[in-house]
Amino acid sequence: MLKGENEVVEEMSYLLILNMDDKIQLEERREISLERHNLYRVYLLNDDYTTMDFVVYVLMTIFDKSKIEATSIMLHVHRHGKGLAGIYTKEIAETKVYDVERLARINGFPLKCIIERDDR
């Protein structure tokens, strides 16, 4: 399933009914509901200490971006203060933020990452 795609949930239930005449009647019920998971945008924030190469590395390893796409996002972060790294469900977005900040700390960088709800 693609990110943001509606999930179809189908539930079948059967009900046996005994009539006064001892006849068995089978009633079938089908419920279909659509669930749309809330999505969140993950942004990298610019700082004066994290190297551009490290930001590209983070985008390639944690966000599965190509070198060209990662470089483009890194330049956007550098010029505009923040850049969109991806859009995910809440749990995945929170995990990405944790992974970015943990990797940054291990490598001695103060790189920060935030999530914002995608209200589209």
PDB file of N, CA and C in Angstrom:
ATOM      1  N   MET A   1       0.846  -1.177   0.000  1.00  0.00           N
ATOM      2  CA  MET A   1       0.000   0.000   0.000  1.00  0.00           C
ATOM      3  C   MET A   1       0.889   1.237   0.000  1.00  0.00           C
ATOM      4  N   LEU A   2       0.528   2.225  -0.753  1.00  0.00           N
ATOM      5  CA  LEU A   2       1.298   3.464  -0.825  1.00  0.00           C
ATOM      6  C   LEU A   2       0.970   4.361   0.344  1.00  0.00           C
ATOM      7  N   LYS A   3       1.925   5.239   0.700  1.00  0.00           N
ATOM      8  CA  LYS A   3       1.699   6.188   1.777  1.00  0.00           C
ATOM      9  C   LYS A   3       0.510   7.063   1.444  1.00  0.00           C
ATOM     10  N   GLY A   4      -0.414   7.220   2.409  1.00  0.00           N
ATOM     11  CA  GLY A   4      -1.542   8.110   2.210  1.00  0.00           C
ATOM     12  C   GLY A   4      -2.708   7.451   1.504  1.00  0.00           C
ATOM     13  N   GLU A   5      -2.540   6.214   1.034  1.00  0.00           N
ATOM     14  CA  GLU A   5      -3.621   5.534   0.356  1.00  0.00           C
ATOM     15  C   GLU A   5      -4.630   5.055   1.387  1.00  0.00           C
ATOM     16  N   ASN A   6      -5.904   5.064   1.039  1.00  0.00           N
ATOM     17  CA  ASN A   6      -6.923   4.589   1.957  1.00  0.00           C
ATOM     18  C   ASN A   6      -6.822   3.081   2.107  1.00  0.00           C
ATOM     19  N   GLU A   7      -7.092   2.622   3.290  1.00  0.00           N
ATOM     20  CA  GLU A   7      -7.053   1.208   3.577  1.00  0.00           C
ATOM     21  C   GLU A   7      -8.491   0.712   3.617  1.00  0.00           C
ATOM     22  N   VAL A   8      -8.791  -0.344   2.903  1.00  0.00           N
ATOM     23  CA  VAL A   8     -10.134  -0.893   2.889  1.00  0.00           C
ATOM     24  C   VAL A   8     -10.188  -2.011   3.911  1.00  0.00           C
ATOM     25  N   VAL A   9     -11.135  -1.889   4.825  1.00  0.00           N
ATOM     26  CA  VAL A   9     -11.314  -2.893   5.852  1.00  0.00           C
ATOM     27  C   VAL A   9     -12.697  -3.493   5.655  1.00  0.00           C
ATOM     28  N   GLU A  10     -12.755  -4.793   5.400  1.00  0.00           N
ATOM     29  CA  GLU A  10     -14.026  -5.458   5.170  1.00  0.00           C
ATOM     30  C   GLU A  10     -14.253  -6.471   6.267  1.00  0.00           C
ATOM     31  N   GLU A  11     -15.434  -6.444   6.827  1.00  0.00           N
ATOM     32  CA  GLU A  11     -15.749  -7.353   7.916  1.00  0.00           C
ATOM     33  C   GLU A  11     -17.040  -8.085   7.579  1.00  0.00           C
ATOM     34  N   MET A  12     -16.997  -9.393   7.636  1.00  0.00           N
ATOM     35  CA  MET A  12     -18.176 -10.207   7.357  1.00  0.00           C
ATOM     36  C   MET A  12     -18.673 -10.780   8.672  1.00  0.00           C
ATOM     37  N   SER A  13     -19.969 -10.830   8.831  1.00  0.00           N
ATOM     38  CA  SER A  13     -20.533 -11.483   9.999  1.00  0.00           C
ATOM     39  C   SER A  13     -21.794 -12.226   9.574  1.00  0.00           C
ATOM     40  N   TYR A  14     -22.048 -13.311  10.236  1.00  0.00           N
ATOM     41  CA  TYR A  14     -23.219 -14.132   9.947  1.00  0.00           C
ATOM     42  C   TYR A  14     -24.032 -14.256  11.210  1.00  0.00           C
ATOM     43  N   LEU A  15     -25.326 -14.264  11.054  1.00  0.00           N
ATOM     44  CA  LEU A  15     -26.223 -14.333  12.200  1.00  0.00           C
ATOM     45  C   LEU A  15     -27.234 -15.434  11.931  1.00  0.00           C
ATOM     46  N   LEU A  16     -27.299 -16.402  12.829  1.00  0.00           N
ATOM     47  CA  LEU A  16     -28.306 -17.462  12.714  1.00  0.00           C
ATOM     48  C   LEU A  16     -29.525 -17.042  13.517  1.00  0.00           C
ATOM     49  N   ILE A  17     -30.701 -17.155  12.893  1.00  0.00           N
ATOM     50  CA  ILE A  17     -31.945 -16.758  13.552  1.00  0.00           C
ATOM     51  C   ILE A  17     -32.881 -17.958  13.547  1.00  0.00           C
ATOM     52  N   LEU A  18     -33.366 -18.293  14.712  1.00  0.00           N
ATOM     53  CA  LEU A  18     -34.374 -19.347  14.820  1.00  0.00           C
ATOM     54  C   LEU A  18     -35.743 -18.685  14.878  1.00  0.00           C
ATOM     55  N   ASN A  19     -36.615 -19.050  13.933  1.00  0.00           N
ATOM     56  CA  ASN A  19     -37.973 -18.509  13.923  1.00  0.00           C
ATOM     57  C   ASN A  19     -38.840 -19.269  14.914  1.00  0.00           C
ATOM     58  N   MET A  20     -40.033 -18.782  15.097  1.00  0.00           N
ATOM     59  CA  MET A  20     -40.981 -19.464  15.972  1.00  0.00           C
ATOM     60  C   MET A  20     -41.328 -20.836  15.402  1.00  0.00           C
ATOM     61  N   ASP A  21     -41.200 -21.004  14.089  1.00  0.00           N
ATOM     62  CA  ASP A  21     -41.533 -22.273  13.427  1.00  0.00           C
ATOM     63  C   ASP A  21     -40.328 -23.200  13.362  1.00  0.00           C
ATOM     64  N   ASP A  22     -39.308 -22.895  14.143  1.00  0.00           N
ATOM     65  CA  ASP A  22     -38.071 -23.670  14.174  1.00  0.00           C
ATOM     66  C   ASP A  22     -37.377 -23.737  12.813  1.00  0.00           C
ATOM     67  N   LYS A  23     -37.536 -22.689  12.035  1.00  0.00           N
ATOM     68  CA  LYS A  23     -36.831 -22.604  10.764  1.00  0.00           C
ATOM     69  C   LYS A  23     -35.550 -21.798  10.992  1.00  0.00           C
ATOM     70  N   ILE A  24     -34.511 -22.201  10.345  1.00  0.00           N
ATOM     71  CA  ILE A  24     -33.236 -21.511  10.490  1.00  0.00           C
ATOM     72  C   ILE A  24     -33.079 -20.547   9.328  1.00  0.00           C
ATOM     73  N   GLN A  25     -32.769 -19.343   9.675  1.00  0.00           N
ATOM     74  CA  GLN A  25     -32.552 -18.304   8.668  1.00  0.00           C
ATOM     75  C   GLN A  25     -31.135 -17.772   8.857  1.00  0.00           C
ATOM     76  N   LEU A  26     -30.415 -17.664   7.768  1.00  0.00           N
ATOM     77  CA  LEU A  26     -29.046 -17.159   7.818  1.00  0.00           C
ATOM     78  C   LEU A  26     -29.028 -15.759   7.238  1.00  0.00           C
ATOM     79  N   GLU A  27     -28.551 -14.814   8.043  1.00  0.00           N
ATOM     80  CA  GLU A  27     -28.469 -13.426   7.592  1.00  0.00           C
ATOM     81  C   GLU A  27     -27.001 -13.050   7.487  1.00  0.00           C
ATOM     82  N   GLU A  28     -26.631 -12.501   6.355  1.00  0.00           N
ATOM     83  CA  GLU A  28     -25.240 -12.109   6.126  1.00  0.00           C
ATOM     84  C   GLU A  28     -25.148 -10.592   6.189  1.00  0.00           C
ATOM     85  N   ARG A  29     -24.156 -10.125   6.931  1.00  0.00           N
ATOM     86  CA  ARG A  29     -23.912  -8.687   7.021  1.00  0.00           C
ATOM     87  C   ARG A  29     -22.498  -8.419   6.544  1.00  0.00           C
ATOM     88  N   ARG A  30     -22.353  -7.373   5.780  1.00  0.00           N
ATOM     89  CA  ARG A  30     -21.032  -6.989   5.285  1.00  0.00           C
ATOM     90  C   ARG A  30     -20.831  -5.515   5.596  1.00  0.00           C
ATOM     91  N   GLU A  31     -19.765  -5.217   6.322  1.00  0.00           N
ATOM     92  CA  GLU A  31     -19.427  -3.831   6.625  1.00  0.00           C
ATOM     93  C   GLU A  31     -18.104  -3.504   5.968  1.00  0.00           C
ATOM     94  N   ILE A  32     -18.088  -2.409   5.252  1.00  0.00           N
ATOM     95  CA  ILE A  32     -16.862  -1.948   4.614  1.00  0.00           C
ATOM     96  C   ILE A  32     -16.600  -0.530   5.098  1.00  0.00           C
ATOM     97  N   SER A  33     -15.402  -0.307   5.587  1.00  0.00           N
ATOM     98  CA  SER A  33     -15.049   1.043   6.019  1.00  0.00           C
ATOM     99  C   SER A  33     -13.690   1.409   5.428  1.00  0.00           C
ATOM    100  N   LEU A  34     -13.510   2.679   5.208  1.00  0.00           N
ATOM    101  CA  LEU A  34     -12.244   3.182   4.690  1.00  0.00           C
ATOM    102  C   LEU A  34     -11.534   3.932   5.798  1.00  0.00           C
ATOM    103  N   GLU A  35     -10.278   3.601   6.010  1.00  0.00           N
ATOM    104  CA  GLU A  35      -9.489   4.299   7.016  1.00  0.00           C
ATOM    105  C   GLU A  35      -8.361   5.033   6.318  1.00  0.00           C
ATOM    106  N   ARG A  36      -8.184   6.289   6.657  1.00  0.00           N
ATOM    107  CA  ARG A  36      -7.042   7.045   6.138  1.00  0.00           C
ATOM    108  C   ARG A  36      -6.149   7.378   7.320  1.00  0.00           C
ATOM    109  N   HIS A  37      -4.953   6.878   7.249  1.00  0.00           N
ATOM    110  CA  HIS A  37      -4.009   7.134   8.330  1.00  0.00           C
ATOM    111  C   HIS A  37      -3.508   8.568   8.237  1.00  0.00           C
ATOM    112  N   ASN A  38      -3.383   9.203   9.388  1.00  0.00           N
ATOM    113  CA  ASN A  38      -2.824  10.554   9.395  1.00  0.00           C
ATOM    114  C   ASN A  38      -1.350  10.476   9.005  1.00  0.00           C
ATOM    115  N   LEU A  39      -0.944  11.442   8.202  1.00  0.00           N
ATOM    116  CA  LEU A  39       0.439  11.470   7.745  1.00  0.00           C
ATOM    117  C   LEU A  39       1.171  12.659   8.348  1.00  0.00           C
ATOM    118  N   TYR A  40       2.482  12.514   8.475  1.00  0.00           N
ATOM    119  CA  TYR A  40       3.311  13.543   9.082  1.00  0.00           C
ATOM    120  C   TYR A  40       4.510  13.818   8.202  1.00  0.00           C
ATOM    121  N   ARG A  41       4.877  15.098   8.124  1.00  0.00           N
ATOM    122  CA  ARG A  41       6.029  15.547   7.348  1.00  0.00           C
ATOM    123  C   ARG A  41       7.247  15.580   8.266  1.00  0.00           C
ATOM    124  N   VAL A  42       8.349  15.037   7.790  1.00  0.00           N
ATOM    125  CA  VAL A  42       9.596  15.046   8.552  1.00  0.00           C
ATOM    126  C   VAL A  42      10.527  16.064   7.904  1.00  0.00           C
ATOM    127  N   TYR A  43      10.950  17.055   8.696  1.00  0.00           N
ATOM    128  CA  TYR A  43      11.830  18.120   8.215  1.00  0.00           C
ATOM    129  C   TYR A  43      13.178  18.049   8.907  1.00  0.00           C
ATOM    130  N   LEU A  44      14.241  18.282   8.145  1.00  0.00           N
ATOM    131  CA  LEU A  44      15.572  18.494   8.722  1.00  0.00           C
ATOM    132  C   LEU A  44      15.748  19.992   8.911  1.00  0.00           C
ATOM    133  N   LEU A  45      16.376  20.386  10.028  1.00  0.00           N
ATOM    134  CA  LEU A  45      16.595  21.798  10.333  1.00  0.00           C
ATOM    135  C   LEU A  45      18.062  22.160  10.147  1.00  0.00           C
ATOM    136  N   ASN A  46      18.296  23.335   9.627  1.00  0.00           N
ATOM    137  CA  ASN A  46      19.661  23.814   9.408  1.00  0.00           C
ATOM    138  C   ASN A  46      20.323  24.207  10.730  1.00  0.00           C
ATOM    139  N   ASP A  47      21.618  24.022  10.796  1.00  0.00           N
ATOM    140  CA  ASP A  47      22.412  24.543  11.919  1.00  0.00           C
ATOM    141  C   ASP A  47      23.784  24.921  11.365  1.00  0.00           C
ATOM    142  N   ASP A  48      24.577  25.563  12.205  1.00  0.00           N
ATOM    143  CA  ASP A  48      25.880  26.065  11.745  1.00  0.00           C
ATOM    144  C   ASP A  48      27.024  25.057  11.889  1.00  0.00           C
ATOM    145  N   TYR A  49      26.751  23.853  12.374  1.00  0.00           N
ATOM    146  CA  TYR A  49      27.829  22.917  12.687  1.00  0.00           C
ATOM    147  C   TYR A  49      27.783  21.612  11.901  1.00  0.00           C
ATOM    148  N   THR A  50      26.604  21.136  11.565  1.00  0.00           N
ATOM    149  CA  THR A  50      26.484  19.868  10.833  1.00  0.00           C
ATOM    150  C   THR A  50      26.968  20.065   9.399  1.00  0.00           C
ATOM    151  N   THR A  51      27.843  19.184   8.945  1.00  0.00           N
ATOM    152  CA  THR A  51      28.391  19.327   7.592  1.00  0.00           C
ATOM    153  C   THR A  51      27.347  18.943   6.540  1.00  0.00           C
ATOM    154  N   MET A  52      27.519  19.531   5.369  1.00  0.00           N
ATOM    155  CA  MET A  52      26.619  19.226   4.259  1.00  0.00           C
ATOM    156  C   MET A  52      26.735  17.757   3.865  1.00  0.00           C
ATOM    157  N   ASP A  53      27.945  17.227   3.898  1.00  0.00           N
ATOM    158  CA  ASP A  53      28.150  15.815   3.556  1.00  0.00           C
ATOM    159  C   ASP A  53      27.397  14.890   4.511  1.00  0.00           C
ATOM    160  N   PHE A  54      27.391  15.248   5.795  1.00  0.00           N
ATOM    161  CA  PHE A  54      26.682  14.417   6.762  1.00  0.00           C
ATOM    162  C   PHE A  54      25.173  14.462   6.521  1.00  0.00           C
ATOM    163  N   VAL A  55      24.634  15.626   6.190  1.00  0.00           N
ATOM    164  CA  VAL A  55      23.194  15.741   5.904  1.00  0.00           C
ATOM    165  C   VAL A  55      22.836  14.879   4.692  1.00  0.00           C
ATOM    166  N   VAL A  56      23.668  14.899   3.660  1.00  0.00           N
ATOM    167  CA  VAL A  56      23.437  14.051   2.481  1.00  0.00           C
ATOM    168  C   VAL A  56      23.474  12.577   2.893  1.00  0.00           C
ATOM    169  N   TYR A  57      24.442  12.208   3.722  1.00  0.00           N
ATOM    170  CA  TYR A  57      24.557  10.838   4.216  1.00  0.00           C
ATOM    171  C   TYR A  57      23.286  10.418   4.973  1.00  0.00           C
ATOM    172  N   VAL A  58      22.781  11.290   5.844  1.00  0.00           N
ATOM    173  CA  VAL A  58      21.560  11.007   6.615  1.00  0.00           C
ATOM    174  C   VAL A  58      20.376  10.790   5.670  1.00  0.00           C
ATOM    175  N   LEU A  59      20.226  11.663   4.698  1.00  0.00           N
ATOM    176  CA  LEU A  59      19.108  11.551   3.751  1.00  0.00           C
ATOM    177  C   LEU A  59      19.198  10.263   2.926  1.00  0.00           C
ATOM    178  N   MET A  60      20.402   9.857   2.592  1.00  0.00           N
ATOM    179  CA  MET A  60      20.566   8.632   1.805  1.00  0.00           C
ATOM    180  C   MET A  60      20.340   7.380   2.654  1.00  0.00           C
ATOM    181  N   THR A  61      20.821   7.382   3.891  1.00  0.00           N
ATOM    182  CA  THR A  61      20.741   6.167   4.706  1.00  0.00           C
ATOM    183  C   THR A  61      19.424   6.024   5.455  1.00  0.00           C
ATOM    184  N   ILE A  62      18.916   7.087   6.020  1.00  0.00           N
ATOM    185  CA  ILE A  62      17.696   6.991   6.826  1.00  0.00           C
ATOM    186  C   ILE A  62      16.432   7.194   5.988  1.00  0.00           C
ATOM    187  N   PHE A  63      16.520   8.050   4.978  1.00  0.00           N
ATOM    188  CA  PHE A  63      15.337   8.367   4.174  1.00  0.00           C
ATOM    189  C   PHE A  63      15.370   7.737   2.781  1.00  0.00           C
ATOM    190  N   ASP A  64      16.370   6.916   2.503  1.00  0.00           N
ATOM    191  CA  ASP A  64      16.488   6.197   1.228  1.00  0.00           C
ATOM    192  C   ASP A  64      16.427   7.107   0.001  1.00  0.00           C
ATOM    193  N   LYS A  65      17.076   8.244   0.077  1.00  0.00           N
ATOM    194  CA  LYS A  65      17.129   9.185  -1.050  1.00  0.00           C
ATOM    195  C   LYS A  65      18.356   8.878  -1.911  1.00  0.00           C
ATOM    196  N   SER A  66      18.232   9.168  -3.194  1.00  0.00           N
ATOM    197  CA  SER A  66      19.390   9.046  -4.078  1.00  0.00           C
ATOM    198  C   SER A  66      20.371  10.173  -3.746  1.00  0.00           C
ATOM    199  N   LYS A  67      21.591  10.067  -4.226  1.00  0.00           N
ATOM    200  CA  LYS A  67      22.591  11.111  -3.951  1.00  0.00           C
ATOM    201  C   LYS A  67      22.135  12.456  -4.517  1.00  0.00           C
ATOM    202  N   ILE A  68      21.552  12.447  -5.694  1.00  0.00           N
ATOM    203  CA  ILE A  68      21.090  13.699  -6.316  1.00  0.00           C
ATOM    204  C   ILE A  68      19.938  14.307  -5.512  1.00  0.00           C
ATOM    205  N   GLU A  69      18.958  13.478  -5.139  1.00  0.00           N
ATOM    206  CA  GLU A  69      17.821  13.977  -4.356  1.00  0.00           C
ATOM    207  C   GLU A  69      18.277  14.456  -2.977  1.00  0.00           C
ATOM    208  N   ALA A  70      19.154  13.707  -2.337  1.00  0.00           N
ATOM    209  CA  ALA A  70      19.666  14.080  -1.018  1.00  0.00           C
ATOM    210  C   ALA A  70      20.421  15.407  -1.082  1.00  0.00           C
ATOM    211  N   THR A  71      21.210  15.599  -2.120  1.00  0.00           N
ATOM    212  CA  THR A  71      21.954  16.855  -2.286  1.00  0.00           C
ATOM    213  C   THR A  71      21.004  18.024  -2.489  1.00  0.00           C
ATOM    214  N   SER A  72      19.963  17.811  -3.267  1.00  0.00           N
ATOM    215  CA  SER A  72      18.963  18.858  -3.506  1.00  0.00           C
ATOM    216  C   SER A  72      18.252  19.256  -2.211  1.00  0.00           C
ATOM    217  N   ILE A  73      17.855  18.266  -1.414  1.00  0.00           N
ATOM    218  CA  ILE A  73      17.192  18.542  -0.128  1.00  0.00           C
ATOM    219  C   ILE A  73      18.159  19.247   0.817  1.00  0.00           C
ATOM    220  N   MET A  74      19.417  18.781   0.866  1.00  0.00           N
ATOM    221  CA  MET A  74      20.413  19.401   1.736  1.00  0.00           C
ATOM    222  C   MET A  74      20.608  20.877   1.381  1.00  0.00           C
ATOM    223  N   LEU A  75      20.668  21.194   0.097  1.00  0.00           N
ATOM    224  CA  LEU A  75      20.830  22.593  -0.318  1.00  0.00           C
ATOM    225  C   LEU A  75      19.613  23.425   0.064  1.00  0.00           C
ATOM    226  N   HIS A  76      18.431  22.823  -0.018  1.00  0.00           N
ATOM    227  CA  HIS A  76      17.213  23.524   0.396  1.00  0.00           C
ATOM    228  C   HIS A  76      17.264  23.818   1.904  1.00  0.00           C
ATOM    229  N   VAL A  77      17.695  22.838   2.682  1.00  0.00           N
ATOM    230  CA  VAL A  77      17.838  23.036   4.133  1.00  0.00           C
ATOM    231  C   VAL A  77      18.830  24.163   4.391  1.00  0.00           C
ATOM    232  N   HIS A  78      19.938  24.147   3.712  1.00  0.00           N
ATOM    233  CA  HIS A  78      20.990  25.142   3.898  1.00  0.00           C
ATOM    234  C   HIS A  78      20.494  26.558   3.561  1.00  0.00           C
ATOM    235  N   ARG A  79      19.741  26.675   2.487  1.00  0.00           N
ATOM    236  CA  ARG A  79      19.280  28.001   2.031  1.00  0.00           C
ATOM    237  C   ARG A  79      18.025  28.510   2.736  1.00  0.00           C
ATOM    238  N   HIS A  80      17.145  27.600   3.133  1.00  0.00           N
ATOM    239  CA  HIS A  80      15.834  28.014   3.660  1.00  0.00           C
ATOM    240  C   HIS A  80      15.606  27.683   5.128  1.00  0.00           C
ATOM    241  N   GLY A  81      16.547  27.028   5.765  1.00  0.00           N
ATOM    242  CA  GLY A  81      16.418  26.753   7.196  1.00  0.00           C
ATOM    243  C   GLY A  81      15.822  25.403   7.538  1.00  0.00           C
ATOM    244  N   LYS A  82      15.021  24.847   6.637  1.00  0.00           N
ATOM    245  CA  LYS A  82      14.498  23.500   6.852  1.00  0.00           C
ATOM    246  C   LYS A  82      14.117  22.908   5.496  1.00  0.00           C
ATOM    247  N   GLY A  83      14.106  21.586   5.458  1.00  0.00           N
ATOM    248  CA  GLY A  83      13.787  20.901   4.207  1.00  0.00           C
ATOM    249  C   GLY A  83      13.044  19.613   4.465  1.00  0.00           C
ATOM    250  N   LEU A  84      12.104  19.309   3.593  1.00  0.00           N
ATOM    251  CA  LEU A  84      11.273  18.113   3.728  1.00  0.00           C
ATOM    252  C   LEU A  84      12.068  16.867   3.356  1.00  0.00           C
ATOM    253  N   ALA A  85      12.172  15.952   4.313  1.00  0.00           N
ATOM    254  CA  ALA A  85      12.881  14.699   4.067  1.00  0.00           C
ATOM    255  C   ALA A  85      11.919  13.595   3.637  1.00  0.00           C
ATOM    256  N   GLY A  86      10.646  13.685   4.054  1.00  0.00           N
ATOM    257  CA  GLY A  86       9.674  12.662   3.672  1.00  0.00           C
ATOM    258  C   GLY A  86       8.362  12.829   4.413  1.00  0.00           C
ATOM    259  N   ILE A  87       7.362  12.080   3.963  1.00  0.00           N
ATOM    260  CA  ILE A  87       6.035  12.091   4.579  1.00  0.00           C
ATOM    261  C   ILE A  87       5.702  10.648   4.944  1.00  0.00           C
ATOM    262  N   TYR A  88       5.338  10.441   6.224  1.00  0.00           N
ATOM    263  CA  TYR A  88       5.144   9.091   6.753  1.00  0.00           C
ATOM    264  C   TYR A  88       3.992   9.065   7.747  1.00  0.00           C
ATOM    265  N   THR A  89       3.604   7.842   8.142  1.00  0.00           N
ATOM    266  CA  THR A  89       2.658   7.711   9.250  1.00  0.00           C
ATOM    267  C   THR A  89       3.367   8.194  10.518  1.00  0.00           C
ATOM    268  N   LYS A  90       2.606   8.444  11.554  1.00  0.00           N
ATOM    269  CA  LYS A  90       3.175   9.040  12.767  1.00  0.00           C
ATOM    270  C   LYS A  90       4.300   8.188  13.365  1.00  0.00           C
ATOM    271  N   GLU A  91       4.069   6.893  13.472  1.00  0.00           N
ATOM    272  CA  GLU A  91       5.061   6.021  14.096  1.00  0.00           C
ATOM    273  C   GLU A  91       6.366   6.004  13.298  1.00  0.00           C
ATOM    274  N   ILE A  92       6.252   5.940  11.991  1.00  0.00           N
ATOM    275  CA  ILE A  92       7.459   5.924  11.160  1.00  0.00           C
ATOM    276  C   ILE A  92       8.164   7.272  11.222  1.00  0.00           C
ATOM    277  N   ALA A  93       7.395   8.367  11.193  1.00  0.00           N
ATOM    278  CA  ALA A  93       7.987   9.710  11.281  1.00  0.00           C
ATOM    279  C   ALA A  93       8.756   9.872  12.595  1.00  0.00           C
ATOM    280  N   GLU A  94       8.163   9.431  13.695  1.00  0.00           N
ATOM    281  CA  GLU A  94       8.837   9.534  14.992  1.00  0.00           C
ATOM    282  C   GLU A  94      10.116   8.705  15.019  1.00  0.00           C
ATOM    283  N   THR A  95      10.082   7.545  14.396  1.00  0.00           N
ATOM    284  CA  THR A  95      11.270   6.694  14.327  1.00  0.00           C
ATOM    285  C   THR A  95      12.365   7.352  13.499  1.00  0.00           C
ATOM    286  N   LYS A  96      11.992   7.983  12.395  1.00  0.00           N
ATOM    287  CA  LYS A  96      12.972   8.681  11.552  1.00  0.00           C
ATOM    288  C   LYS A  96      13.647   9.806  12.334  1.00  0.00           C
ATOM    289  N   VAL A  97      12.859  10.591  13.069  1.00  0.00           N
ATOM    290  CA  VAL A  97      13.413  11.681  13.883  1.00  0.00           C
ATOM    291  C   VAL A  97      14.407  11.120  14.902  1.00  0.00           C
ATOM    292  N   TYR A  98      14.008  10.059  15.572  1.00  0.00           N
ATOM    293  CA  TYR A  98      14.891   9.433  16.559  1.00  0.00           C
ATOM    294  C   TYR A  98      16.186   8.955  15.900  1.00  0.00           C
ATOM    295  N   ASP A  99      16.063   8.281  14.755  1.00  0.00           N
ATOM    296  CA  ASP A  99      17.241   7.751  14.065  1.00  0.00           C
ATOM    297  C   ASP A  99      18.189   8.862  13.610  1.00  0.00           C
ATOM    298  N   VAL A 100      17.621   9.948  13.072  1.00  0.00           N
ATOM    299  CA  VAL A 100      18.451  11.081  12.619  1.00  0.00           C
ATOM    300  C   VAL A 100      19.216  11.671  13.787  1.00  0.00           C
ATOM    301  N   GLU A 101      18.511  11.978  14.862  1.00  0.00           N
ATOM    302  CA  GLU A 101      19.156  12.646  16.001  1.00  0.00           C
ATOM    303  C   GLU A 101      20.153  11.738  16.701  1.00  0.00           C
ATOM    304  N   ARG A 102      19.877  10.452  16.748  1.00  0.00           N
ATOM    305  CA  ARG A 102      20.817   9.510  17.357  1.00  0.00           C
ATOM    306  C   ARG A 102      22.099   9.410  16.522  1.00  0.00           C
ATOM    307  N   LEU A 103      21.930   9.268  15.208  1.00  0.00           N
ATOM    308  CA  LEU A 103      23.093   9.189  14.320  1.00  0.00           C
ATOM    309  C   LEU A 103      23.911  10.481  14.380  1.00  0.00           C
ATOM    310  N   ALA A 104      23.224  11.621  14.449  1.00  0.00           N
ATOM    311  CA  ALA A 104      23.923  12.907  14.537  1.00  0.00           C
ATOM    312  C   ALA A 104      24.747  12.988  15.829  1.00  0.00           C
ATOM    313  N   ARG A 105      24.168  12.595  16.954  1.00  0.00           N
ATOM    314  CA  ARG A 105      24.874  12.662  18.247  1.00  0.00           C
ATOM    315  C   ARG A 105      26.099  11.755  18.242  1.00  0.00           C
ATOM    316  N   ILE A 106      25.917  10.543  17.690  1.00  0.00           N
ATOM    317  CA  ILE A 106      27.039   9.595  17.631  1.00  0.00           C
ATOM    318  C   ILE A 106      28.210  10.194  16.846  1.00  0.00           C
ATOM    319  N   ASN A 107      27.883  10.990  15.830  1.00  0.00           N
ATOM    320  CA  ASN A 107      28.910  11.588  14.973  1.00  0.00           C
ATOM    321  C   ASN A 107      29.290  13.008  15.385  1.00  0.00           C
ATOM    322  N   GLY A 108      28.769  13.465  16.529  1.00  0.00           N
ATOM    323  CA  GLY A 108      29.159  14.759  17.077  1.00  0.00           C
ATOM    324  C   GLY A 108      28.498  15.968  16.420  1.00  0.00           C
ATOM    325  N   PHE A 109      27.335  15.779  15.813  1.00  0.00           N
ATOM    326  CA  PHE A 109      26.623  16.897  15.176  1.00  0.00           C
ATOM    327  C   PHE A 109      25.326  17.212  15.914  1.00  0.00           C
ATOM    328  N   PRO A 110      24.911  18.485  15.899  1.00  0.00           N
ATOM    329  CA  PRO A 110      23.673  18.880  16.579  1.00  0.00           C
ATOM    330  C   PRO A 110      22.441  18.863  15.650  1.00  0.00           C
ATOM    331  N   LEU A 111      22.479  18.103  14.560  1.00  0.00           N
ATOM    332  CA  LEU A 111      21.386  18.083  13.593  1.00  0.00           C
ATOM    333  C   LEU A 111      20.053  17.762  14.262  1.00  0.00           C
ATOM    334  N   LYS A 112      19.046  18.555  13.957  1.00  0.00           N
ATOM    335  CA  LYS A 112      17.701  18.367  14.510  1.00  0.00           C
ATOM    336  C   LYS A 112      16.733  18.036  13.393  1.00  0.00           C
ATOM    337  N   CYS A 113      15.689  17.359  13.781  1.00  0.00           N
ATOM    338  CA  CYS A 113      14.656  16.916  12.860  1.00  0.00           C
ATOM    339  C   CYS A 113      13.316  17.130  13.553  1.00  0.00           C
ATOM    340  N   ILE A 114      12.289  17.576  12.834  1.00  0.00           N
ATOM    341  CA  ILE A 114      10.976  17.774  13.434  1.00  0.00           C
ATOM    342  C   ILE A 114       9.902  17.104  12.560  1.00  0.00           C
ATOM    343  N   ILE A 115       8.741  16.875  13.167  1.00  0.00           N
ATOM    344  CA  ILE A 115       7.604  16.392  12.387  1.00  0.00           C
ATOM    345  C   ILE A 115       6.463  17.378  12.516  1.00  0.00           C
ATOM    346  N   GLU A 116       5.703  17.494  11.448  1.00  0.00           N
ATOM    347  CA  GLU A 116       4.490  18.308  11.430  1.00  0.00           C
ATOM    348  C   GLU A 116       3.408  17.512  10.743  1.00  0.00           C
ATOM    349  N   ARG A 117       2.206  17.620  11.271  1.00  0.00           N
ATOM    350  CA  ARG A 117       1.078  16.888  10.675  1.00  0.00           C
ATOM    351  C   ARG A 117       0.813  17.403   9.261  1.00  0.00           C
ATOM    352  N   ASP A 118       0.590  16.472   8.347  1.00  0.00           N
ATOM    353  CA  ASP A 118       0.297  16.809   6.954  1.00  0.00           C
ATOM    354  C   ASP A 118      -1.222  16.912   6.839  1.00  0.00           C
ATOM    355  N   ASP A 119      -1.731  18.133   6.738  1.00  0.00           N
ATOM    356  CA  ASP A 119      -3.178  18.360   6.746  1.00  0.00           C
ATOM    357  C   ASP A 119      -3.797  18.388   5.358  1.00  0.00           C
ATOM    358  N   ARG A 120      -3.125  17.849   4.388  1.00  0.00           N
ATOM    359  CA  ARG A 120      -3.704  17.822   3.044  1.00  0.00           C
ATOM    360  C   ARG A 120      -4.745  16.781   2.892  1.00  0.00           C
TER     361      ARG A 120
END
